[in-house]
Amino acid sequence: MRWSAFSLFCMLGFSAVVPQASAAGEDYGVVIISRERLEVSTNCEIGIYIQDQLSARLFQEQSTSFNLPPGQFSLRLKLLPGQAPGCNPGMLAPGSQNITLKAGDILKFRIAMTQEGMFLKSAGLGY
């Protein structure tokens, strides 16, 4: 009797753990940011800020990706001072863009530029 009660509790415990473990794998989304095209005509390094925290640095022809939990995020791009001559940050803080990410989403953006400054432009995944 004791052994069968113990077995029953173990089976119930394992069945409760397995669905949580498989669901936890999809509890994030992916944001891909690329500087693959020559839309930004500077050789300066670009900083990517998520929630006002420097999260990545990109030179020309580079890309990066982030695994983020679902929710709303503030993304900001800024020229960073670096090794290239003339790469000095501006005095004004650039504007930010807000994105909403759901679990399982894969969002791709590329860095583009207008007269107002740099921004993230939605891009296709390409596969």
N, C-alpha and C. Protein backbone atom coordinates (compact mmCIF):
# COMPACT_ATOMS: atom_id res chain seq x y z
N MET A 1 0.82 -1.20 0.00
CA MET A 1 0.00 0.00 0.00
C MET A 1 0.86 1.26 0.00
N ARG A 2 1.90 1.26 0.85
CA ARG A 2 2.78 2.43 0.90
C ARG A 2 3.47 2.65 -0.43
N TRP A 3 3.94 1.56 -1.04
CA TRP A 3 4.68 1.68 -2.29
C TRP A 3 3.78 2.21 -3.41
N SER A 4 2.55 1.77 -3.48
CA SER A 4 1.65 2.24 -4.54
C SER A 4 1.25 3.70 -4.32
N ALA A 5 1.10 4.13 -3.07
CA ALA A 5 0.79 5.54 -2.80
C ALA A 5 1.97 6.42 -3.20
N PHE A 6 3.19 5.95 -2.88
CA PHE A 6 4.40 6.68 -3.25
C PHE A 6 4.51 6.79 -4.78
N SER A 7 4.24 5.69 -5.48
CA SER A 7 4.29 5.68 -6.94
C SER A 7 3.27 6.65 -7.53
N LEU A 8 2.09 6.68 -6.95
CA LEU A 8 1.05 7.58 -7.43
C LEU A 8 1.47 9.05 -7.27
N PHE A 9 2.05 9.40 -6.13
CA PHE A 9 2.50 10.77 -5.91
C PHE A 9 3.64 11.15 -6.86
N CYS A 10 4.54 10.20 -7.11
CA CYS A 10 5.64 10.47 -8.05
C CYS A 10 5.10 10.71 -9.46
N MET A 11 4.16 9.89 -9.90
CA MET A 11 3.59 10.05 -11.23
C MET A 11 2.86 11.38 -11.36
N LEU A 12 2.11 11.75 -10.33
CA LEU A 12 1.42 13.04 -10.36
C LEU A 12 2.42 14.19 -10.38
N GLY A 13 3.51 14.05 -9.66
CA GLY A 13 4.54 15.08 -9.63
C GLY A 13 5.20 15.24 -10.99
N PHE A 14 5.53 14.13 -11.66
CA PHE A 14 6.15 14.21 -12.98
C PHE A 14 5.20 14.77 -14.03
N SER A 15 3.95 14.41 -13.93
CA SER A 15 2.99 14.92 -14.92
C SER A 15 2.77 16.42 -14.75
N ALA A 16 2.92 16.93 -13.54
CA ALA A 16 2.76 18.37 -13.31
C ALA A 16 3.99 19.14 -13.81
N VAL A 17 5.16 18.51 -13.77
CA VAL A 17 6.39 19.19 -14.17
C VAL A 17 6.55 19.24 -15.69
N VAL A 18 6.20 18.20 -16.40
CA VAL A 18 6.46 18.11 -17.83
C VAL A 18 5.77 19.22 -18.64
N PRO A 19 4.48 19.53 -18.47
CA PRO A 19 3.89 20.59 -19.28
C PRO A 19 4.51 21.96 -19.01
N GLN A 20 4.92 22.23 -17.78
CA GLN A 20 5.54 23.52 -17.47
C GLN A 20 6.88 23.64 -18.17
N ALA A 21 7.66 22.59 -18.23
CA ALA A 21 8.97 22.65 -18.86
C ALA A 21 8.85 22.90 -20.36
N SER A 22 7.88 22.28 -21.03
CA SER A 22 7.74 22.48 -22.47
C SER A 22 7.16 23.85 -22.78
N ALA A 23 6.29 24.37 -21.94
CA ALA A 23 5.72 25.70 -22.18
C ALA A 23 6.72 26.79 -21.91
N ALA A 24 7.67 26.56 -21.00
CA ALA A 24 8.66 27.59 -20.68
C ALA A 24 9.57 27.87 -21.86
N GLY A 25 9.76 26.93 -22.77
CA GLY A 25 10.62 27.13 -23.93
C GLY A 25 10.06 28.15 -24.92
N GLU A 26 8.76 28.40 -24.91
CA GLU A 26 8.14 29.34 -25.84
C GLU A 26 7.75 30.64 -25.16
N ASP A 27 8.30 30.90 -24.00
CA ASP A 27 7.89 32.05 -23.22
C ASP A 27 8.74 33.28 -23.52
N TYR A 28 9.15 33.46 -24.76
CA TYR A 28 9.95 34.60 -25.16
C TYR A 28 9.70 34.89 -26.63
N GLY A 29 10.17 36.02 -27.08
CA GLY A 29 10.12 36.39 -28.49
C GLY A 29 11.51 36.81 -28.92
N VAL A 30 11.73 36.91 -30.21
CA VAL A 30 13.04 37.25 -30.74
C VAL A 30 12.93 38.55 -31.52
N VAL A 31 13.86 39.46 -31.25
CA VAL A 31 13.97 40.71 -32.00
C VAL A 31 15.34 40.69 -32.69
N ILE A 32 15.33 40.82 -34.02
CA ILE A 32 16.56 40.85 -34.82
C ILE A 32 16.72 42.26 -35.36
N ILE A 33 17.90 42.84 -35.18
CA ILE A 33 18.20 44.18 -35.69
C ILE A 33 19.44 44.08 -36.55
N SER A 34 19.35 44.55 -37.80
CA SER A 34 20.49 44.43 -38.71
C SER A 34 20.87 45.79 -39.29
N ARG A 35 22.13 45.87 -39.62
CA ARG A 35 22.68 47.04 -40.30
C ARG A 35 23.36 46.54 -41.57
N GLU A 36 22.66 45.69 -42.27
CA GLU A 36 23.22 45.02 -43.43
C GLU A 36 23.23 45.90 -44.66
N ARG A 37 22.27 46.75 -44.79
CA ARG A 37 22.20 47.61 -45.96
C ARG A 37 22.94 48.91 -45.69
N LEU A 38 23.29 49.59 -46.74
CA LEU A 38 24.05 50.83 -46.60
C LEU A 38 23.13 52.03 -46.50
N GLU A 39 22.04 51.89 -45.76
CA GLU A 39 21.09 52.99 -45.60
C GLU A 39 21.59 54.05 -44.64
N VAL A 40 22.49 53.67 -43.75
CA VAL A 40 23.05 54.61 -42.78
C VAL A 40 24.45 54.94 -43.26
N SER A 41 24.63 56.15 -43.76
CA SER A 41 25.89 56.52 -44.40
C SER A 41 26.90 57.06 -43.39
N THR A 42 27.28 56.22 -42.47
CA THR A 42 28.32 56.55 -41.51
C THR A 42 29.10 55.30 -41.18
N ASN A 43 30.38 55.48 -40.92
CA ASN A 43 31.17 54.33 -40.51
C ASN A 43 31.24 54.23 -38.99
N CYS A 44 30.48 55.07 -38.31
CA CYS A 44 30.45 55.06 -36.84
C CYS A 44 29.67 53.85 -36.32
N GLU A 45 30.01 53.48 -35.14
CA GLU A 45 29.32 52.40 -34.45
C GLU A 45 27.96 52.91 -33.96
N ILE A 46 26.94 52.06 -34.08
CA ILE A 46 25.59 52.43 -33.62
C ILE A 46 25.26 51.60 -32.39
N GLY A 47 24.83 52.28 -31.35
CA GLY A 47 24.43 51.60 -30.12
C GLY A 47 22.94 51.33 -30.14
N ILE A 48 22.54 50.16 -29.70
CA ILE A 48 21.13 49.79 -29.60
C ILE A 48 20.80 49.74 -28.11
N TYR A 49 19.85 50.55 -27.73
CA TYR A 49 19.43 50.64 -26.33
C TYR A 49 18.04 50.02 -26.19
N ILE A 50 17.91 49.09 -25.25
CA ILE A 50 16.61 48.51 -24.92
C ILE A 50 16.28 48.96 -23.50
N GLN A 51 15.14 49.62 -23.35
CA GLN A 51 14.73 50.17 -22.06
C GLN A 51 15.84 51.07 -21.49
N ASP A 52 16.46 51.88 -22.36
CA ASP A 52 17.53 52.83 -22.02
C ASP A 52 18.79 52.18 -21.47
N GLN A 53 19.02 50.91 -21.79
CA GLN A 53 20.25 50.21 -21.43
C GLN A 53 20.98 49.81 -22.71
N LEU A 54 22.26 50.18 -22.83
CA LEU A 54 23.03 49.78 -24.01
C LEU A 54 23.08 48.27 -24.07
N SER A 55 22.53 47.71 -25.15
CA SER A 55 22.41 46.26 -25.26
C SER A 55 23.26 45.67 -26.37
N ALA A 56 23.62 46.48 -27.37
CA ALA A 56 24.45 45.97 -28.48
C ALA A 56 25.10 47.14 -29.19
N ARG A 57 26.16 46.82 -29.93
CA ARG A 57 26.87 47.80 -30.74
C ARG A 57 27.02 47.19 -32.14
N LEU A 58 26.69 47.97 -33.16
CA LEU A 58 26.74 47.45 -34.53
C LEU A 58 27.58 48.34 -35.44
N PHE A 59 28.44 47.72 -36.23
CA PHE A 59 29.12 48.38 -37.34
C PHE A 59 28.39 47.97 -38.62
N GLN A 60 28.83 48.50 -39.76
CA GLN A 60 28.23 48.14 -41.05
C GLN A 60 28.29 46.63 -41.25
N GLU A 61 27.28 46.09 -41.89
CA GLU A 61 27.19 44.67 -42.25
C GLU A 61 27.07 43.74 -41.05
N GLN A 62 26.60 44.23 -39.91
CA GLN A 62 26.43 43.38 -38.75
C GLN A 62 24.95 43.32 -38.36
N SER A 63 24.62 42.29 -37.61
CA SER A 63 23.26 42.17 -37.06
C SER A 63 23.36 41.54 -35.68
N THR A 64 22.31 41.69 -34.91
CA THR A 64 22.25 41.11 -33.58
C THR A 64 20.82 40.67 -33.30
N SER A 65 20.65 39.82 -32.33
CA SER A 65 19.30 39.37 -31.97
C SER A 65 19.20 39.30 -30.45
N PHE A 66 17.96 39.43 -29.99
CA PHE A 66 17.67 39.41 -28.56
C PHE A 66 16.51 38.47 -28.30
N ASN A 67 16.63 37.64 -27.28
CA ASN A 67 15.52 36.83 -26.78
C ASN A 67 14.93 37.62 -25.62
N LEU A 68 13.70 38.06 -25.78
CA LEU A 68 13.07 38.92 -24.79
C LEU A 68 11.74 38.33 -24.32
N PRO A 69 11.38 38.58 -23.09
CA PRO A 69 10.07 38.12 -22.62
C PRO A 69 8.96 38.93 -23.29
N PRO A 70 7.75 38.42 -23.33
CA PRO A 70 6.65 39.17 -23.94
C PRO A 70 6.43 40.49 -23.21
N GLY A 71 6.02 41.50 -23.97
CA GLY A 71 5.74 42.80 -23.37
C GLY A 71 6.06 43.92 -24.33
N GLN A 72 6.05 45.14 -23.80
CA GLN A 72 6.35 46.32 -24.60
C GLN A 72 7.75 46.80 -24.25
N PHE A 73 8.52 47.16 -25.29
CA PHE A 73 9.91 47.57 -25.11
C PHE A 73 10.17 48.88 -25.83
N SER A 74 11.03 49.67 -25.25
CA SER A 74 11.49 50.91 -25.85
C SER A 74 12.84 50.64 -26.49
N LEU A 75 12.97 50.93 -27.79
CA LEU A 75 14.22 50.75 -28.52
C LEU A 75 14.73 52.11 -28.97
N ARG A 76 16.02 52.33 -28.80
CA ARG A 76 16.63 53.61 -29.16
C ARG A 76 17.96 53.33 -29.87
N LEU A 77 18.26 54.11 -30.89
CA LEU A 77 19.51 54.01 -31.63
C LEU A 77 20.32 55.28 -31.41
N LYS A 78 21.63 55.12 -31.26
CA LYS A 78 22.47 56.28 -31.02
C LYS A 78 23.87 56.04 -31.57
N LEU A 79 24.46 57.05 -32.21
CA LEU A 79 25.85 56.95 -32.63
C LEU A 79 26.73 56.94 -31.40
N LEU A 80 27.71 56.05 -31.41
CA LEU A 80 28.60 55.91 -30.26
C LEU A 80 29.99 56.44 -30.60
N PRO A 81 30.65 57.05 -29.63
CA PRO A 81 32.04 57.45 -29.87
C PRO A 81 32.88 56.20 -30.00
N GLY A 82 33.83 56.22 -30.88
CA GLY A 82 34.62 55.01 -31.09
C GLY A 82 35.94 55.28 -31.73
N GLN A 83 36.46 54.25 -32.37
CA GLN A 83 37.78 54.34 -32.98
C GLN A 83 37.78 55.14 -34.28
N ALA A 84 36.67 55.20 -34.97
CA ALA A 84 36.60 55.91 -36.25
C ALA A 84 36.60 57.42 -35.99
N PRO A 85 37.38 58.18 -36.77
CA PRO A 85 37.41 59.64 -36.56
C PRO A 85 36.06 60.28 -36.89
N GLY A 86 35.70 61.27 -36.10
CA GLY A 86 34.46 62.00 -36.33
C GLY A 86 33.23 61.35 -35.73
N CYS A 87 33.38 60.30 -34.96
CA CYS A 87 32.24 59.61 -34.36
C CYS A 87 32.00 60.13 -32.95
N ASN A 88 31.42 61.29 -32.87
CA ASN A 88 31.11 61.88 -31.58
C ASN A 88 29.61 61.85 -31.38
N PRO A 89 29.14 61.47 -30.19
CA PRO A 89 27.69 61.45 -29.96
C PRO A 89 27.14 62.86 -29.91
N GLY A 90 25.89 63.01 -30.28
CA GLY A 90 25.23 64.30 -30.24
C GLY A 90 24.81 64.65 -28.82
N MET A 91 24.44 65.89 -28.62
CA MET A 91 24.02 66.35 -27.29
C MET A 91 22.60 65.90 -26.97
N LEU A 92 21.74 65.85 -27.97
CA LEU A 92 20.34 65.50 -27.73
C LEU A 92 20.16 63.99 -27.73
N ALA A 93 19.31 63.52 -26.84
CA ALA A 93 18.98 62.09 -26.83
C ALA A 93 18.05 61.80 -27.98
N PRO A 94 18.35 60.79 -28.80
CA PRO A 94 17.47 60.46 -29.92
C PRO A 94 16.13 59.90 -29.43
N GLY A 95 15.14 59.99 -30.28
CA GLY A 95 13.82 59.46 -29.92
C GLY A 95 13.83 57.95 -29.87
N SER A 96 12.84 57.40 -29.20
CA SER A 96 12.76 55.95 -29.08
C SER A 96 11.54 55.44 -29.83
N GLN A 97 11.56 54.15 -30.14
CA GLN A 97 10.43 53.47 -30.75
C GLN A 97 9.96 52.40 -29.78
N ASN A 98 8.67 52.22 -29.69
CA ASN A 98 8.11 51.18 -28.84
C ASN A 98 7.66 50.02 -29.70
N ILE A 99 7.99 48.82 -29.26
CA ILE A 99 7.51 47.61 -29.94
C ILE A 99 6.82 46.74 -28.91
N THR A 100 5.85 45.98 -29.37
CA THR A 100 5.16 45.02 -28.52
C THR A 100 5.52 43.63 -29.02
N LEU A 101 6.00 42.81 -28.12
CA LEU A 101 6.47 41.48 -28.45
C LEU A 101 5.61 40.45 -27.73
N LYS A 102 5.14 39.47 -28.49
CA LYS A 102 4.36 38.37 -27.91
C LYS A 102 5.23 37.12 -27.89
N ALA A 103 4.88 36.19 -27.03
CA ALA A 103 5.62 34.93 -26.95
C ALA A 103 5.59 34.23 -28.31
N GLY A 104 6.74 33.81 -28.79
CA GLY A 104 6.83 33.13 -30.08
C GLY A 104 7.04 34.04 -31.27
N ASP A 105 6.92 35.36 -31.10
CA ASP A 105 7.13 36.31 -32.20
C ASP A 105 8.60 36.33 -32.62
N ILE A 106 8.83 36.55 -33.90
CA ILE A 106 10.16 36.84 -34.43
C ILE A 106 10.02 38.11 -35.25
N LEU A 107 10.56 39.20 -34.74
CA LEU A 107 10.47 40.50 -35.41
C LEU A 107 11.85 40.90 -35.92
N LYS A 108 11.92 41.32 -37.18
CA LYS A 108 13.19 41.74 -37.75
C LYS A 108 13.08 43.20 -38.16
N PHE A 109 14.10 43.96 -37.82
CA PHE A 109 14.19 45.37 -38.17
C PHE A 109 15.55 45.64 -38.80
N ARG A 110 15.59 46.67 -39.64
CA ARG A 110 16.88 47.13 -40.14
C ARG A 110 17.00 48.61 -39.83
N ILE A 111 18.21 49.04 -39.65
CA ILE A 111 18.46 50.44 -39.30
C ILE A 111 18.40 51.27 -40.57
N ALA A 112 17.61 52.33 -40.53
CA ALA A 112 17.46 53.25 -41.66
C ALA A 112 17.66 54.67 -41.14
N MET A 113 17.78 55.63 -42.07
CA MET A 113 18.04 57.00 -41.66
C MET A 113 17.22 57.97 -42.50
N THR A 114 16.73 59.01 -41.84
CA THR A 114 16.08 60.13 -42.51
C THR A 114 16.77 61.40 -42.00
N GLN A 115 16.24 62.55 -42.40
CA GLN A 115 16.81 63.81 -41.93
C GLN A 115 16.61 63.98 -40.43
N GLU A 116 15.59 63.34 -39.87
CA GLU A 116 15.34 63.43 -38.43
C GLU A 116 16.24 62.52 -37.62
N GLY A 117 16.90 61.57 -38.25
CA GLY A 117 17.80 60.66 -37.55
C GLY A 117 17.54 59.21 -37.91
N MET A 118 18.14 58.33 -37.14
CA MET A 118 18.03 56.89 -37.38
C MET A 118 16.74 56.35 -36.78
N PHE A 119 16.24 55.28 -37.40
CA PHE A 119 15.06 54.60 -36.88
C PHE A 119 15.11 53.14 -37.30
N LEU A 120 14.26 52.33 -36.70
CA LEU A 120 14.15 50.93 -37.04
C LEU A 120 13.01 50.73 -38.00
N LYS A 121 13.32 50.12 -39.13
CA LYS A 121 12.34 49.85 -40.18
C LYS A 121 12.05 48.36 -40.20
N SER A 122 10.79 48.01 -40.20
CA SER A 122 10.40 46.60 -40.22
C SER A 122 10.91 45.93 -41.48
N ALA A 123 11.41 44.72 -41.36
CA ALA A 123 11.97 43.99 -42.50
C ALA A 123 11.42 42.56 -42.49
N GLY A 124 11.37 41.96 -43.66
CA GLY A 124 10.94 40.57 -43.77
C GLY A 124 12.02 39.63 -43.27
N LEU A 125 11.60 38.45 -42.83
CA LEU A 125 12.55 37.49 -42.30
C LEU A 125 13.41 36.87 -43.39
N GLY A 126 12.91 36.76 -44.59
CA GLY A 126 13.72 36.26 -45.70
C GLY A 126 13.90 34.75 -45.72
N TYR A 127 13.04 34.02 -45.04
CA TYR A 127 13.12 32.55 -45.12
C TYR A 127 11.76 31.95 -44.94
